[in-house]
PDB file of all heavy atoms in Angstrom:
ATOM      1  N   ARG A   1       0.838  -1.210   0.000  1.00  0.00           N
ATOM      2  CA  ARG A   1       0.000   0.000   0.000  1.00  0.00           C
ATOM      3  C   ARG A   1       0.868   1.253   0.000  1.00  0.00           C
ATOM      4  O   ARG A   1       0.666   2.171  -0.806  1.00  0.00           O
ATOM      5  CB  ARG A   1      -0.914  -0.004   1.223  1.00  0.00           C
ATOM      6  CG  ARG A   1      -1.728   1.278   1.380  1.00  0.00           C
ATOM      7  CD  ARG A   1      -2.492   1.300   2.689  1.00  0.00           C
ATOM      8  NE  ARG A   1      -1.635   1.144   3.851  1.00  0.00           N
ATOM      9  CZ  ARG A   1      -0.887   2.121   4.367  1.00  0.00           C
ATOM     10  NH1 ARG A   1      -0.883   3.338   3.824  1.00  0.00           N
ATOM     11  NH2 ARG A   1      -0.141   1.904   5.440  1.00  0.00           N
ATOM     12  N   VAL A   2       1.848   1.297   0.901  1.00  0.00           N
ATOM     13  CA  VAL A   2       2.734   2.460   0.970  1.00  0.00           C
ATOM     14  C   VAL A   2       3.530   2.593  -0.325  1.00  0.00           C
ATOM     15  O   VAL A   2       3.708   3.693  -0.861  1.00  0.00           O
ATOM     16  CB  VAL A   2       3.680   2.351   2.184  1.00  0.00           C
ATOM     17  CG1 VAL A   2       4.715   3.474   2.170  1.00  0.00           C
ATOM     18  CG2 VAL A   2       2.877   2.409   3.489  1.00  0.00           C
ATOM     19  N   GLY A   3       4.016   1.458  -0.842  1.00  0.00           N
ATOM     20  CA  GLY A   3       4.775   1.499  -2.081  1.00  0.00           C
ATOM     21  C   GLY A   3       3.962   2.032  -3.249  1.00  0.00           C
ATOM     22  O   GLY A   3       4.454   2.846  -4.036  1.00  0.00           O
ATOM     23  N   HIS A   4       2.719   1.585  -3.347  1.00  0.00           N
ATOM     24  CA  HIS A   4       1.855   2.049  -4.437  1.00  0.00           C
ATOM     25  C   HIS A   4       1.575   3.539  -4.316  1.00  0.00           C
ATOM     26  O   HIS A   4       1.526   4.257  -5.332  1.00  0.00           O
ATOM     27  CB  HIS A   4       0.547   1.263  -4.448  1.00  0.00           C
ATOM     28  CG  HIS A   4      -0.382   1.668  -5.554  1.00  0.00           C
ATOM     29  ND1 HIS A   4      -0.131   1.389  -6.876  1.00  0.00           N
ATOM     30  CD2 HIS A   4      -1.554   2.368  -5.525  1.00  0.00           C
ATOM     31  CE1 HIS A   4      -1.100   1.881  -7.624  1.00  0.00           C
ATOM     32  NE2 HIS A   4      -1.976   2.481  -6.836  1.00  0.00           N
ATOM     33  N   GLU A   5       1.427   4.027  -3.093  1.00  0.00           N
ATOM     34  CA  GLU A   5       1.181   5.454  -2.897  1.00  0.00           C
ATOM     35  C   GLU A   5       2.393   6.287  -3.302  1.00  0.00           C
ATOM     36  O   GLU A   5       2.254   7.358  -3.905  1.00  0.00           O
ATOM     37  CB  GLU A   5       0.837   5.720  -1.430  1.00  0.00           C
ATOM     38  CG  GLU A   5      -0.526   5.177  -1.008  1.00  0.00           C
ATOM     39  CD  GLU A   5      -0.752   5.289   0.484  1.00  0.00           C
ATOM     40  OE1 GLU A   5       0.202   5.690   1.205  1.00  0.00           O
ATOM     41  OE2 GLU A   5      -1.854   4.957   0.944  1.00  0.00           O
ATOM     42  N   ARG A   6       3.589   5.798  -2.984  1.00  0.00           N
ATOM     43  CA  ARG A   6       4.804   6.576  -3.234  1.00  0.00           C
ATOM     44  C   ARG A   6       5.344   6.374  -4.650  1.00  0.00           C
ATOM     45  O   ARG A   6       5.987   7.265  -5.201  1.00  0.00           O
ATOM     46  CB  ARG A   6       5.878   6.185  -2.210  1.00  0.00           C
ATOM     47  CG  ARG A   6       5.523   6.561  -0.789  1.00  0.00           C
ATOM     48  CD  ARG A   6       6.585   6.091   0.192  1.00  0.00           C
ATOM     49  NE  ARG A   6       6.212   6.416   1.566  1.00  0.00           N
ATOM     50  CZ  ARG A   6       6.882   6.012   2.632  1.00  0.00           C
ATOM     51  NH1 ARG A   6       7.975   5.265   2.493  1.00  0.00           N
ATOM     52  NH2 ARG A   6       6.481   6.340   3.846  1.00  0.00           N
ATOM     53  N   ARG A   7       5.110   5.198  -5.212  1.00  0.00           N
ATOM     54  CA  ARG A   7       5.698   4.861  -6.518  1.00  0.00           C
ATOM     55  C   ARG A   7       4.630   4.213  -7.402  1.00  0.00           C
ATOM     56  O   ARG A   7       4.705   3.026  -7.723  1.00  0.00           O
ATOM     57  CB  ARG A   7       6.886   3.924  -6.317  1.00  0.00           C
ATOM     58  CG  ARG A   7       7.969   4.543  -5.420  1.00  0.00           C
ATOM     59  CD  ARG A   7       9.101   3.588  -5.104  1.00  0.00           C
ATOM     60  NE  ARG A   7      10.087   4.274  -4.289  1.00  0.00           N
ATOM     61  CZ  ARG A   7      10.129   4.228  -2.953  1.00  0.00           C
ATOM     62  NH1 ARG A   7       9.233   3.511  -2.297  1.00  0.00           N
ATOM     63  NH2 ARG A   7      11.051   4.891  -2.294  1.00  0.00           N
ATOM     64  N   PRO A   8       3.629   4.973  -7.810  1.00  0.00           N
ATOM     65  CA  PRO A   8       2.494   4.414  -8.561  1.00  0.00           C
ATOM     66  C   PRO A   8       2.883   3.852  -9.929  1.00  0.00           C
ATOM     67  O   PRO A   8       2.115   3.090 -10.518  1.00  0.00           O
ATOM     68  CB  PRO A   8       1.537   5.602  -8.692  1.00  0.00           C
ATOM     69  CG  PRO A   8       2.385   6.813  -8.514  1.00  0.00           C
ATOM     70  CD  PRO A   8       3.450   6.420  -7.548  1.00  0.00           C
ATOM     71  N   ALA A   9       4.056   4.206 -10.437  1.00  0.00           N
ATOM     72  CA  ALA A   9       4.466   3.693 -11.750  1.00  0.00           C
ATOM     73  C   ALA A   9       4.909   2.237 -11.691  1.00  0.00           C
ATOM     74  O   ALA A   9       4.962   1.561 -12.727  1.00  0.00           O
ATOM     75  CB  ALA A   9       5.597   4.550 -12.312  1.00  0.00           C
ATOM     76  N   LEU A  10       5.226   1.739 -10.486  1.00  0.00           N
ATOM     77  CA  LEU A  10       5.659   0.347 -10.341  1.00  0.00           C
ATOM     78  C   LEU A  10       4.451  -0.580 -10.246  1.00  0.00           C
ATOM     79  O   LEU A  10       3.419  -0.218  -9.668  1.00  0.00           O
ATOM     80  CB  LEU A  10       6.535   0.186  -9.101  1.00  0.00           C
ATOM     81  CG  LEU A  10       7.889   0.910  -9.112  1.00  0.00           C
ATOM     82  CD1 LEU A  10       8.596   0.705  -7.776  1.00  0.00           C
ATOM     83  CD2 LEU A  10       8.760   0.415 -10.254  1.00  0.00           C
ATOM     84  N   SER A  11       4.603  -1.778 -10.796  1.00  0.00           N
ATOM     85  CA  SER A  11       3.509  -2.768 -10.790  1.00  0.00           C
ATOM     86  C   SER A  11       3.703  -3.738  -9.623  1.00  0.00           C
ATOM     87  O   SER A  11       4.287  -4.820  -9.771  1.00  0.00           O
ATOM     88  CB  SER A  11       3.489  -3.525 -12.120  1.00  0.00           C
ATOM     89  OG  SER A  11       3.267  -2.633 -13.191  1.00  0.00           O
ATOM     90  N   PHE A  12       3.211  -3.352  -8.449  1.00  0.00           N
ATOM     91  CA  PHE A  12       3.368  -4.159  -7.246  1.00  0.00           C
ATOM     92  C   PHE A  12       2.481  -5.403  -7.303  1.00  0.00           C
ATOM     93  O   PHE A  12       1.359  -5.357  -7.809  1.00  0.00           O
ATOM     94  CB  PHE A  12       3.017  -3.342  -6.006  1.00  0.00           C
ATOM     95  CG  PHE A  12       4.028  -2.272  -5.676  1.00  0.00           C
ATOM     96  CD1 PHE A  12       3.886  -0.985  -6.178  1.00  0.00           C
ATOM     97  CD2 PHE A  12       5.112  -2.542  -4.867  1.00  0.00           C
ATOM     98  CE1 PHE A  12       4.812   0.015  -5.879  1.00  0.00           C
ATOM     99  CE2 PHE A  12       6.043  -1.568  -4.556  1.00  0.00           C
ATOM    100  CZ  PHE A  12       5.893  -0.279  -5.067  1.00  0.00           C
ATOM    101  N   VAL A  13       3.004  -6.510  -6.755  1.00  0.00           N
ATOM    102  CA  VAL A  13       2.263  -7.769  -6.709  1.00  0.00           C
ATOM    103  C   VAL A  13       2.352  -8.342  -5.300  1.00  0.00           C
ATOM    104  O   VAL A  13       3.432  -8.380  -4.699  1.00  0.00           O
ATOM    105  CB  VAL A  13       2.841  -8.791  -7.717  1.00  0.00           C
ATOM    106  CG1 VAL A  13       2.199 -10.158  -7.537  1.00  0.00           C
ATOM    107  CG2 VAL A  13       2.650  -8.299  -9.144  1.00  0.00           C
ATOM    108  N   ALA A  14       1.227  -8.781  -4.759  1.00  0.00           N
ATOM    109  CA  ALA A  14       1.225  -9.490  -3.482  1.00  0.00           C
ATOM    110  C   ALA A  14       1.618 -10.939  -3.729  1.00  0.00           C
ATOM    111  O   ALA A  14       1.039 -11.595  -4.601  1.00  0.00           O
ATOM    112  CB  ALA A  14      -0.163  -9.416  -2.838  1.00  0.00           C
ATOM    113  N   GLY A  15       2.607 -11.414  -2.987  1.00  0.00           N
ATOM    114  CA  GLY A  15       3.062 -12.773  -3.236  1.00  0.00           C
ATOM    115  C   GLY A  15       3.804 -13.367  -2.061  1.00  0.00           C
ATOM    116  O   GLY A  15       4.501 -12.673  -1.320  1.00  0.00           O
ATOM    117  N   ASP A  16       3.642 -14.675  -1.900  1.00  0.00           N
ATOM    118  CA  ASP A  16       4.289 -15.463  -0.860  1.00  0.00           C
ATOM    119  C   ASP A  16       5.537 -16.107  -1.455  1.00  0.00           C
ATOM    120  O   ASP A  16       5.467 -16.756  -2.507  1.00  0.00           O
ATOM    121  CB  ASP A  16       3.310 -16.532  -0.377  1.00  0.00           C
ATOM    122  CG  ASP A  16       3.839 -17.388   0.761  1.00  0.00           C
ATOM    123  OD1 ASP A  16       5.061 -17.409   0.997  1.00  0.00           O
ATOM    124  OD2 ASP A  16       3.015 -18.061   1.413  1.00  0.00           O
ATOM    125  N   ALA A  17       6.683 -15.949  -0.804  1.00  0.00           N
ATOM    126  CA  ALA A  17       7.940 -16.490  -1.320  1.00  0.00           C
ATOM    127  C   ALA A  17       7.906 -18.001  -1.488  1.00  0.00           C
ATOM    128  O   ALA A  17       8.670 -18.557  -2.283  1.00  0.00           O
ATOM    129  CB  ALA A  17       9.090 -16.111  -0.386  1.00  0.00           C
ATOM    130  N   LEU A  18       7.016 -18.674  -0.758  1.00  0.00           N
ATOM    131  CA  LEU A  18       6.944 -20.132  -0.837  1.00  0.00           C
ATOM    132  C   LEU A  18       5.905 -20.616  -1.843  1.00  0.00           C
ATOM    133  O   LEU A  18       5.781 -21.818  -2.072  1.00  0.00           O
ATOM    134  CB  LEU A  18       6.640 -20.710   0.548  1.00  0.00           C
ATOM    135  CG  LEU A  18       7.729 -20.461   1.590  1.00  0.00           C
ATOM    136  CD1 LEU A  18       7.300 -20.981   2.954  1.00  0.00           C
ATOM    137  CD2 LEU A  18       9.045 -21.098   1.166  1.00  0.00           C
ATOM    138  N   ALA A  19       5.178 -19.696  -2.439  1.00  0.00           N
ATOM    139  CA  ALA A  19       4.183 -20.046  -3.469  1.00  0.00           C
ATOM    140  C   ALA A  19       4.018 -18.844  -4.388  1.00  0.00           C
ATOM    141  O   ALA A  19       2.982 -18.190  -4.409  1.00  0.00           O
ATOM    142  CB  ALA A  19       2.864 -20.437  -2.835  1.00  0.00           C
ATOM    143  N   LEU A  20       5.048 -18.557  -5.164  1.00  0.00           N
ATOM    144  CA  LEU A  20       5.039 -17.365  -5.999  1.00  0.00           C
ATOM    145  C   LEU A  20       3.951 -17.442  -7.068  1.00  0.00           C
ATOM    146  O   LEU A  20       3.760 -18.493  -7.683  1.00  0.00           O
ATOM    147  CB  LEU A  20       6.405 -17.189  -6.661  1.00  0.00           C
ATOM    148  CG  LEU A  20       7.550 -16.854  -5.703  1.00  0.00           C
ATOM    149  CD1 LEU A  20       8.893 -16.927  -6.426  1.00  0.00           C
ATOM    150  CD2 LEU A  20       7.353 -15.471  -5.091  1.00  0.00           C
ATOM    151  N   PRO A  21       3.255 -16.337  -7.322  1.00  0.00           N
ATOM    152  CA  PRO A  21       2.141 -16.337  -8.282  1.00  0.00           C
ATOM    153  C   PRO A  21       2.608 -16.127  -9.725  1.00  0.00           C
ATOM    154  O   PRO A  21       2.036 -15.326 -10.465  1.00  0.00           O
ATOM    155  CB  PRO A  21       1.296 -15.158  -7.796  1.00  0.00           C
ATOM    156  CG  PRO A  21       2.295 -14.198  -7.251  1.00  0.00           C
ATOM    157  CD  PRO A  21       3.369 -15.048  -6.609  1.00  0.00           C
ATOM    158  N   PHE A  22       3.657 -16.861 -10.110  1.00  0.00           N
ATOM    159  CA  PHE A  22       4.224 -16.717 -11.446  1.00  0.00           C
ATOM    160  C   PHE A  22       4.470 -18.095 -12.063  1.00  0.00           C
ATOM    161  O   PHE A  22       4.679 -19.082 -11.350  1.00  0.00           O
ATOM    162  CB  PHE A  22       5.542 -15.940 -11.397  1.00  0.00           C
ATOM    163  CG  PHE A  22       5.458 -14.624 -10.674  1.00  0.00           C
ATOM    164  CD1 PHE A  22       6.106 -14.434  -9.465  1.00  0.00           C
ATOM    165  CD2 PHE A  22       4.714 -13.581 -11.199  1.00  0.00           C
ATOM    166  CE1 PHE A  22       6.021 -13.236  -8.784  1.00  0.00           C
ATOM    167  CE2 PHE A  22       4.621 -12.368 -10.530  1.00  0.00           C
ATOM    168  CZ  PHE A  22       5.272 -12.194  -9.316  1.00  0.00           C
ATOM    169  N   ALA A  23       4.456 -18.146 -13.388  1.00  0.00           N
ATOM    170  CA  ALA A  23       4.712 -19.396 -14.105  1.00  0.00           C
ATOM    171  C   ALA A  23       6.196 -19.749 -14.056  1.00  0.00           C
ATOM    172  O   ALA A  23       7.037 -18.950 -13.622  1.00  0.00           O
ATOM    173  CB  ALA A  23       4.251 -19.261 -15.556  1.00  0.00           C
ATOM    174  N   ASP A  24       6.531 -20.938 -14.499  1.00  0.00           N
ATOM    175  CA  ASP A  24       7.921 -21.375 -14.557  1.00  0.00           C
ATOM    176  C   ASP A  24       8.701 -20.565 -15.592  1.00  0.00           C
ATOM    177  O   ASP A  24       8.159 -20.134 -16.617  1.00  0.00           O
ATOM    178  CB  ASP A  24       8.001 -22.857 -14.952  1.00  0.00           C
ATOM    179  CG  ASP A  24       7.353 -23.785 -13.939  1.00  0.00           C
ATOM    180  OD1 ASP A  24       6.956 -23.299 -12.857  1.00  0.00           O
ATOM    181  OD2 ASP A  24       7.245 -24.987 -14.239  1.00  0.00           O
ATOM    182  N   ASP A  25      10.003 -20.377 -15.315  1.00  0.00           N
ATOM    183  CA  ASP A  25      10.943 -19.823 -16.296  1.00  0.00           C
ATOM    184  C   ASP A  25      10.520 -18.458 -16.851  1.00  0.00           C
ATOM    185  O   ASP A  25      10.714 -18.172 -18.032  1.00  0.00           O
ATOM    186  CB  ASP A  25      11.121 -20.803 -17.469  1.00  0.00           C
ATOM    187  CG  ASP A  25      11.526 -22.199 -17.020  1.00  0.00           C
ATOM    188  OD1 ASP A  25      12.139 -22.325 -15.946  1.00  0.00           O
ATOM    189  OD2 ASP A  25      11.222 -23.163 -17.747  1.00  0.00           O
ATOM    190  N   VAL A  26       9.979 -17.605 -15.990  1.00  0.00           N
ATOM    191  CA  VAL A  26       9.458 -16.301 -16.440  1.00  0.00           C
ATOM    192  C   VAL A  26      10.514 -15.205 -16.402  1.00  0.00           C
ATOM    193  O   VAL A  26      10.552 -14.341 -17.287  1.00  0.00           O
ATOM    194  CB  VAL A  26       8.247 -15.893 -15.571  1.00  0.00           C
ATOM    195  CG1 VAL A  26       7.824 -14.463 -15.874  1.00  0.00           C
ATOM    196  CG2 VAL A  26       7.087 -16.838 -15.792  1.00  0.00           C
ATOM    197  N   PHE A  27      11.388 -15.221 -15.404  1.00  0.00           N
ATOM    198  CA  PHE A  27      12.257 -14.073 -15.141  1.00  0.00           C
ATOM    199  C   PHE A  27      13.697 -14.318 -15.598  1.00  0.00           C
ATOM    200  O   PHE A  27      14.231 -15.412 -15.481  1.00  0.00           O
ATOM    201  CB  PHE A  27      12.239 -13.729 -13.651  1.00  0.00           C
ATOM    202  CG  PHE A  27      10.898 -13.260 -13.158  1.00  0.00           C
ATOM    203  CD1 PHE A  27      10.050 -14.116 -12.474  1.00  0.00           C
ATOM    204  CD2 PHE A  27      10.476 -11.963 -13.412  1.00  0.00           C
ATOM    205  CE1 PHE A  27       8.807 -13.689 -12.035  1.00  0.00           C
ATOM    206  CE2 PHE A  27       9.232 -11.527 -12.972  1.00  0.00           C
ATOM    207  CZ  PHE A  27       8.397 -12.380 -12.288  1.00  0.00           C
ATOM    208  N   ASP A  28      14.310 -13.239 -16.078  1.00  0.00           N
ATOM    209  CA  ASP A  28      15.731 -13.278 -16.422  1.00  0.00           C
ATOM    210  C   ASP A  28      16.608 -13.168 -15.185  1.00  0.00           C
ATOM    211  O   ASP A  28      17.742 -13.664 -15.168  1.00  0.00           O
ATOM    212  CB  ASP A  28      16.061 -12.115 -17.368  1.00  0.00           C
ATOM    213  CG  ASP A  28      15.296 -12.202 -18.673  1.00  0.00           C
ATOM    214  OD1 ASP A  28      15.535 -13.159 -19.427  1.00  0.00           O
ATOM    215  OD2 ASP A  28      14.446 -11.327 -18.919  1.00  0.00           O
ATOM    216  N   ALA A  29      16.102 -12.514 -14.161  1.00  0.00           N
ATOM    217  CA  ALA A  29      16.834 -12.365 -12.904  1.00  0.00           C
ATOM    218  C   ALA A  29      15.834 -12.270 -11.764  1.00  0.00           C
ATOM    219  O   ALA A  29      14.734 -11.726 -11.925  1.00  0.00           O
ATOM    220  CB  ALA A  29      17.726 -11.125 -12.937  1.00  0.00           C
ATOM    221  N   VAL A  30      16.228 -12.811 -10.619  1.00  0.00           N
ATOM    222  CA  VAL A  30      15.415 -12.699  -9.404  1.00  0.00           C
ATOM    223  C   VAL A  30      16.338 -12.217  -8.287  1.00  0.00           C
ATOM    224  O   VAL A  30      17.506 -12.617  -8.219  1.00  0.00           O
ATOM    225  CB  VAL A  30      14.748 -14.034  -9.018  1.00  0.00           C
ATOM    226  CG1 VAL A  30      13.739 -14.451 -10.067  1.00  0.00           C
ATOM    227  CG2 VAL A  30      15.771 -15.145  -8.815  1.00  0.00           C
ATOM    228  N   THR A  31      15.821 -11.371  -7.444  1.00  0.00           N
ATOM    229  CA  THR A  31      16.637 -10.837  -6.364  1.00  0.00           C
ATOM    230  C   THR A  31      15.790 -10.668  -5.109  1.00  0.00           C
ATOM    231  O   THR A  31      14.572 -10.431  -5.183  1.00  0.00           O
ATOM    232  CB  THR A  31      17.277  -9.492  -6.778  1.00  0.00           C
ATOM    233  OG1 THR A  31      18.123  -9.027  -5.726  1.00  0.00           O
ATOM    234  CG2 THR A  31      16.224  -8.445  -7.088  1.00  0.00           C
ATOM    235  N   ILE A  32      16.431 -10.813  -3.977  1.00  0.00           N
ATOM    236  CA  ILE A  32      15.762 -10.612  -2.696  1.00  0.00           C
ATOM    237  C   ILE A  32      16.775 -10.006  -1.731  1.00  0.00           C
ATOM    238  O   ILE A  32      17.854 -10.557  -1.526  1.00  0.00           O
ATOM    239  CB  ILE A  32      15.154 -11.926  -2.147  1.00  0.00           C
ATOM    240  CG1 ILE A  32      14.465 -11.685  -0.793  1.00  0.00           C
ATOM    241  CG2 ILE A  32      16.180 -13.042  -2.060  1.00  0.00           C
ATOM    242  CD1 ILE A  32      13.604 -12.871  -0.337  1.00  0.00           C
ATOM    243  N   SER A  33      16.438  -8.851  -1.188  1.00  0.00           N
ATOM    244  CA  SER A  33      17.333  -8.136  -0.283  1.00  0.00           C
ATOM    245  C   SER A  33      16.715  -8.049   1.105  1.00  0.00           C
ATOM    246  O   SER A  33      15.622  -7.497   1.272  1.00  0.00           O
ATOM    247  CB  SER A  33      17.615  -6.723  -0.818  1.00  0.00           C
ATOM    248  OG  SER A  33      18.308  -6.777  -2.044  1.00  0.00           O
ATOM    249  N   PHE A  34      17.419  -8.610   2.073  1.00  0.00           N
ATOM    250  CA  PHE A  34      17.009  -8.550   3.473  1.00  0.00           C
ATOM    251  C   PHE A  34      15.607  -9.120   3.685  1.00  0.00           C
ATOM    252  O   PHE A  34      14.858  -8.661   4.539  1.00  0.00           O
ATOM    253  CB  PHE A  34      17.105  -7.111   4.003  1.00  0.00           C
ATOM    254  CG  PHE A  34      18.454  -6.499   3.748  1.00  0.00           C
ATOM    255  CD1 PHE A  34      18.619  -5.520   2.774  1.00  0.00           C
ATOM    256  CD2 PHE A  34      19.559  -6.945   4.437  1.00  0.00           C
ATOM    257  CE1 PHE A  34      19.866  -4.976   2.510  1.00  0.00           C
ATOM    258  CE2 PHE A  34      20.823  -6.406   4.171  1.00  0.00           C
ATOM    259  CZ  PHE A  34      20.978  -5.426   3.212  1.00  0.00           C
ATOM    260  N   GLY A  35      15.266 -10.119   2.876  1.00  0.00           N
ATOM    261  CA  GLY A  35      13.956 -10.743   3.001  1.00  0.00           C
ATOM    262  C   GLY A  35      14.025 -12.246   3.145  1.00  0.00           C
ATOM    263  O   GLY A  35      13.138 -12.849   3.757  1.00  0.00           O
TER     264      GLY A  35
END
């Protein structure tokens, strides 16, 4: 919510790291910082 308010140009997605809402082999890179 805060992110969308401050950075509306970004496409935020709600997601659980143990059940990501994405298909296989979708991303060229994945990153996680302090999470």
